[in-house]
């Protein structure tokens, strides 16, 4: 039995993109997410082989899922003033349950790195940038020379800006503040597995579910050795210069609403 396809999934990227591609009811449980992974892999195998046989695993060498063990540390939240045990968080419990389910799936190999704390607390998104941009308002407050009644001296044109600053601070909620955590060892494991699959001739086609260009050196090696290399960006736009390093571009999950027809056509035609 020929098992010529290897599918490699960057779990962090998959988790980030999944809410954009499936409805909430299809990702509320660990079993739902694992089901989405299986569906995506099935679609890739069917696309590559043209075989609609329900026993699609006969074409699969292995499905590799890369992620990191949940962070187990504790930290004091600066906004809520509460101690957080990250190992007992809903996210950590969900991840562990999903990993346990993946281990039981046919032809699946789980590759787990770890999460390290590399810094302190910070604001998510561009909130910090917006707050820093209001420094001029604070500089305009004359703390050294208050008015006769003790009130602060603030130029009239800065009053409205100060109100906006107050609104921005008031809009910050606990979930907008996050600890600086970084995955370690995931990209390295992906690169090593691509090299191993290539040099040991364990597969003829590699499907990589990822969203950045860190894989390019490994993809070059695989293609140089005669393997087909297909990228699944989960309908995320990729840089034009990546096309020269892959043999196909195809997303296994259905396209989200609002995706431009041109993007759909490019992915299907290149697959």
Protein backbone atom coordinates (compact mmCIF):
# COMPACT_ATOMS: atom_id res chain seq x y z
CA UNK A 1 0.00 0.00 0.00
CA UNK A 2 1.45 3.34 -1.07
CA UNK A 3 1.63 6.02 1.63
CA UNK A 4 3.08 8.88 -0.36
CA UNK A 5 1.66 11.98 1.36
CA UNK A 6 2.91 13.65 4.55
CA UNK A 7 0.88 16.50 6.05
CA UNK A 8 2.59 18.91 8.46
CA UNK A 9 0.42 21.35 10.47
CA UNK A 10 1.67 24.36 12.40
CA UNK A 11 -0.78 24.15 15.31
CA UNK A 12 -0.34 27.75 16.46
CA UNK A 13 -1.13 29.05 12.98
CA UNK A 14 -4.02 26.59 12.58
CA UNK A 15 -5.60 27.70 15.86
CA UNK A 16 -5.31 31.36 14.87
CA UNK A 17 -6.89 30.89 11.45
CA UNK A 18 -9.61 28.36 12.35
CA UNK A 19 -12.08 30.94 13.80
CA UNK A 20 -11.99 32.76 10.47
CA UNK A 21 -12.93 29.61 8.53
CA UNK A 22 -15.47 27.67 10.60
CA UNK A 23 -18.44 28.69 12.71
CA UNK A 24 -18.15 28.77 16.50
CA UNK A 25 -20.24 25.63 16.93
CA UNK A 26 -17.60 23.67 14.99
CA UNK A 27 -14.72 24.68 17.25
CA UNK A 28 -16.16 24.89 20.77
CA UNK A 29 -14.80 21.50 21.83
CA UNK A 30 -11.49 19.73 21.38
CA UNK A 31 -13.30 17.03 19.41
CA UNK A 32 -14.65 19.70 17.02
CA UNK A 33 -11.16 21.04 16.36
CA UNK A 34 -9.72 17.57 15.81
CA UNK A 35 -12.61 16.91 13.43
CA UNK A 36 -11.67 20.04 11.47
CA UNK A 37 -8.08 18.82 11.25
CA UNK A 38 -9.19 15.43 9.91
CA UNK A 39 -11.55 17.08 7.41
CA UNK A 40 -8.78 19.37 6.16
CA UNK A 41 -6.35 16.48 5.72
CA UNK A 42 -8.98 14.38 3.95
CA UNK A 43 -9.60 17.23 1.51
CA UNK A 44 -5.88 17.50 0.74
CA UNK A 45 -5.53 13.77 0.10
CA UNK A 46 -8.58 13.72 -2.14
CA UNK A 47 -7.30 16.75 -4.08
CA UNK A 48 -3.85 15.24 -4.60
CA UNK A 49 -4.91 11.67 -5.45
CA UNK A 50 -8.36 12.12 -7.02
CA UNK A 51 -9.38 9.16 -4.88
CA UNK A 52 -12.71 9.56 -3.11
CA UNK A 53 -12.30 6.36 -1.11
CA UNK A 54 -13.39 6.88 2.54
CA UNK A 55 -10.20 5.03 3.50
CA UNK A 56 -8.11 8.07 2.58
CA UNK A 57 -5.47 7.18 5.18
CA UNK A 58 -4.06 4.57 2.80
CA UNK A 59 -2.34 7.46 0.97
CA UNK A 60 -0.96 9.09 4.12
CA UNK A 61 2.48 8.38 5.51
CA UNK A 62 1.80 10.50 8.58
CA UNK A 63 0.06 13.65 9.77
CA UNK A 64 2.39 15.75 11.93
CA UNK A 65 0.84 18.29 14.29
CA UNK A 66 3.20 20.85 15.82
CA UNK A 67 2.36 22.87 18.90
CA UNK A 68 3.65 23.54 22.40
CA UNK A 69 2.81 22.29 25.87
CA UNK A 70 0.61 24.84 27.68
CA UNK A 71 2.44 27.31 29.88
CA UNK A 72 2.30 26.03 33.47
CA UNK A 73 3.57 29.10 35.32
CA UNK A 74 1.83 31.63 37.53
CA UNK A 75 1.78 35.42 37.35
CA UNK A 76 0.02 38.36 38.99
CA UNK A 77 -2.32 40.21 36.61
CA UNK A 78 -1.54 43.96 36.78
CA UNK A 79 -5.10 45.07 35.98
CA UNK A 80 -7.26 42.67 38.02
CA UNK A 81 -4.67 42.33 40.80
CA UNK A 82 -5.28 38.58 40.82
CA UNK A 83 -2.88 35.64 40.68
CA UNK A 84 -3.28 33.55 37.53
CA UNK A 85 -2.36 29.87 37.31
CA UNK A 86 -1.90 29.43 33.57
CA UNK A 87 -1.75 25.65 33.86
CA UNK A 88 -5.37 25.61 35.08
CA UNK A 89 -6.71 28.09 32.55
CA UNK A 90 -9.49 27.13 30.11
CA UNK A 91 -7.01 27.40 27.27
CA UNK A 92 -4.53 25.00 28.88
CA UNK A 93 -7.27 22.48 29.71
CA UNK A 94 -8.59 22.70 26.14
CA UNK A 95 -5.13 22.20 24.64
CA UNK A 96 -4.34 19.17 26.78
CA UNK A 97 -7.66 17.58 25.87
CA UNK A 98 -7.04 18.21 22.17
CA UNK A 99 -3.52 16.79 22.35
CA UNK A 100 -4.86 13.64 24.03
CA UNK A 101 -7.39 13.22 21.24
CA UNK A 102 -4.79 13.79 18.52
CA UNK A 103 -2.57 11.08 20.00
CA UNK A 104 -5.40 8.60 19.44
CA UNK A 105 -5.94 9.53 15.80
CA UNK A 106 -4.80 7.26 13.02
CA UNK A 107 -1.45 8.15 11.41
CA UNK A 108 -0.99 11.25 13.61
CA UNK A 109 2.32 12.20 15.22
CA UNK A 110 2.28 14.97 17.83
CA UNK A 111 5.36 17.20 17.97
CA UNK A 112 5.33 19.45 21.02
CA UNK A 113 7.71 22.24 21.90
CA UNK A 114 7.35 24.39 24.98
CA UNK A 115 6.22 27.89 25.93
CA UNK A 116 8.62 30.17 27.81
CA UNK A 117 7.99 33.46 29.55
CA UNK A 118 10.33 35.98 27.95
CA UNK A 119 8.98 39.25 29.31
CA UNK A 120 6.34 40.91 31.43
CA UNK A 121 2.79 42.03 30.82
CA UNK A 122 1.85 44.08 27.77
CA UNK A 123 -1.14 45.39 25.87
CA UNK A 124 -2.39 43.39 22.90
CA UNK A 125 -2.97 44.82 19.44
CA UNK A 126 -2.08 48.48 18.90
CA UNK A 127 -3.43 49.71 22.25
CA UNK A 128 0.00 50.53 23.66
CA UNK A 129 0.90 52.50 20.56
CA UNK A 130 -2.28 54.56 20.89
CA UNK A 131 -1.58 55.31 24.54
CA UNK A 132 2.02 56.32 23.86
CA UNK A 133 0.79 58.69 21.18
CA UNK A 134 -1.00 60.70 23.88
CA UNK A 135 2.22 61.59 25.70
CA UNK A 136 1.90 65.19 24.49
CA UNK A 137 -1.30 65.59 26.54
CA UNK A 138 0.47 64.60 29.75
CA UNK A 139 3.43 66.83 28.92
CA UNK A 140 1.08 69.80 28.58
CA UNK A 141 -0.11 69.51 32.19
CA UNK A 142 1.83 72.02 34.30
CA UNK A 143 2.39 70.20 37.60
CA UNK A 144 4.95 72.73 38.85
CA UNK A 145 2.68 75.78 38.64
CA UNK A 146 -0.89 74.92 39.67
CA UNK A 147 -3.60 77.58 39.69
CA UNK A 148 -4.51 79.55 42.82
CA UNK A 149 -7.24 77.07 43.79
CA UNK A 150 -4.81 74.17 43.48
CA UNK A 151 -6.20 72.86 40.19
CA UNK A 152 -3.83 71.88 37.41
CA UNK A 153 -3.08 74.24 34.58
CA UNK A 154 -4.02 72.59 31.27
CA UNK A 155 -4.27 74.46 27.94
CA UNK A 156 -7.82 74.52 26.64
CA UNK A 157 -6.94 72.78 23.39
CA UNK A 158 -5.67 69.78 25.39
CA UNK A 159 -8.83 69.22 27.44
CA UNK A 160 -10.60 67.26 24.71
CA UNK A 161 -7.48 65.17 24.09
CA UNK A 162 -7.34 64.42 27.81
CA UNK A 163 -10.93 63.19 27.70
CA UNK A 164 -10.02 60.88 24.82
CA UNK A 165 -7.07 59.57 26.81
CA UNK A 166 -9.36 58.86 29.73
CA UNK A 167 -11.71 56.97 27.39
CA UNK A 168 -8.86 54.89 26.00
CA UNK A 169 -7.72 53.85 29.47
CA UNK A 170 -11.29 53.08 30.47
CA UNK A 171 -11.71 50.78 27.48
CA UNK A 172 -8.83 48.52 28.49
CA UNK A 173 -10.12 45.23 29.90
CA UNK A 174 -8.34 42.30 31.55
CA UNK A 175 -8.16 40.25 28.33
CA UNK A 176 -6.38 43.15 26.58
CA UNK A 177 -3.38 42.61 28.87
CA UNK A 178 -1.24 39.54 28.14
CA UNK A 179 1.93 37.99 29.45
CA UNK A 180 4.84 37.83 26.98
CA UNK A 181 5.01 34.12 26.18
CA UNK A 182 6.87 32.58 23.22
CA UNK A 183 6.80 29.14 21.64
CA UNK A 184 10.16 27.42 21.44
CA UNK A 185 11.23 24.51 19.28
CA UNK A 186 8.22 24.31 16.94
CA UNK A 187 9.80 25.73 13.76
CA UNK A 188 12.90 23.64 14.34
CA UNK A 189 10.83 20.46 14.57
CA UNK A 190 9.01 21.28 11.32
CA UNK A 191 12.32 21.85 9.51
CA UNK A 192 13.86 18.65 10.85
CA UNK A 193 10.85 16.56 9.84
CA UNK A 194 10.82 18.00 6.32
CA UNK A 195 14.51 17.15 6.00
CA UNK A 196 13.99 13.66 7.38
CA UNK A 197 11.01 12.94 5.11
CA UNK A 198 13.02 14.17 2.15
CA UNK A 199 16.36 12.47 2.72
CA UNK A 200 14.84 9.15 3.82
CA UNK A 201 12.39 9.16 0.89
CA UNK A 202 9.46 8.57 3.24
CA UNK A 203 6.97 10.55 1.14
CA UNK A 204 6.52 11.87 -2.38
CA UNK A 205 4.42 14.90 -1.46
CA UNK A 206 4.58 17.20 1.56
CA UNK A 207 1.62 19.39 2.47
CA UNK A 208 2.56 22.15 4.93
CA UNK A 209 -0.17 24.07 6.74
CA UNK A 210 1.58 27.28 7.76
CA UNK A 211 1.53 30.99 7.19
CA UNK A 212 5.07 32.33 7.10
CA UNK A 213 8.23 31.95 5.03
CA UNK A 214 10.39 30.25 7.67
CA UNK A 215 9.87 26.98 5.83
CA UNK A 216 11.53 28.15 2.59
CA UNK A 217 14.99 26.54 3.17
CA UNK A 218 13.38 23.19 3.99
CA UNK A 219 11.03 23.50 1.00
CA UNK A 220 14.01 24.12 -1.28
CA UNK A 221 15.65 20.93 -0.02
CA UNK A 222 12.50 18.89 -0.57
CA UNK A 223 11.95 20.18 -4.10
CA UNK A 224 15.63 19.74 -4.97
CA UNK A 225 15.31 16.07 -4.00
CA UNK A 226 12.25 15.61 -6.21
CA UNK A 227 9.39 15.92 -3.71
CA UNK A 228 6.23 17.89 -4.42
CA UNK A 229 5.72 20.66 -1.87
CA UNK A 230 2.21 22.04 -1.35
CA UNK A 231 1.45 24.99 0.94
CA UNK A 232 -1.87 25.43 2.72
CA UNK A 233 -2.08 29.02 4.07
CA UNK A 234 -5.69 28.50 5.21
CA UNK A 235 -6.81 31.27 2.84
CA UNK A 236 -4.30 33.75 4.21
CA UNK A 237 -2.56 35.84 1.57
CA UNK A 238 1.03 34.80 0.91
CA UNK A 239 3.88 36.84 -0.50
CA UNK A 240 4.36 36.57 -4.25
CA UNK A 241 7.99 35.51 -3.87
CA UNK A 242 6.92 32.29 -2.11
CA UNK A 243 5.45 30.83 -5.27
CA UNK A 244 8.88 29.95 -6.62
CA UNK A 245 9.53 27.73 -3.59
CA UNK A 246 6.35 25.61 -3.71
CA UNK A 247 4.66 23.31 -6.20
CA UNK A 248 1.09 24.06 -5.23
CA UNK A 249 -1.10 26.32 -3.14
CA UNK A 250 -4.33 24.88 -1.81
CA UNK A 251 -6.41 25.41 1.32
CA UNK A 252 -8.09 22.31 2.68
CA UNK A 253 -10.89 24.05 4.57
CA UNK A 254 -13.68 25.90 2.72
CA UNK A 255 -12.95 29.54 1.96
CA UNK A 256 -14.40 32.12 4.36
CA UNK A 257 -17.14 34.46 3.26
CA UNK A 258 -15.79 37.66 1.79
CA UNK A 259 -12.70 36.04 0.24
CA UNK A 260 -12.01 37.70 -3.09
CA UNK A 261 -12.75 35.43 -6.08
CA UNK A 262 -9.28 36.12 -7.42
CA UNK A 263 -7.66 34.65 -4.31
CA UNK A 264 -9.86 31.58 -4.64
CA UNK A 265 -8.89 31.09 -8.26
CA UNK A 266 -5.18 31.46 -7.55
CA UNK A 267 -5.22 28.84 -4.82
CA UNK A 268 -7.25 26.33 -6.81
CA UNK A 269 -5.27 26.77 -10.02
CA UNK A 270 -1.93 26.52 -8.26
CA UNK A 271 -2.87 23.41 -6.28
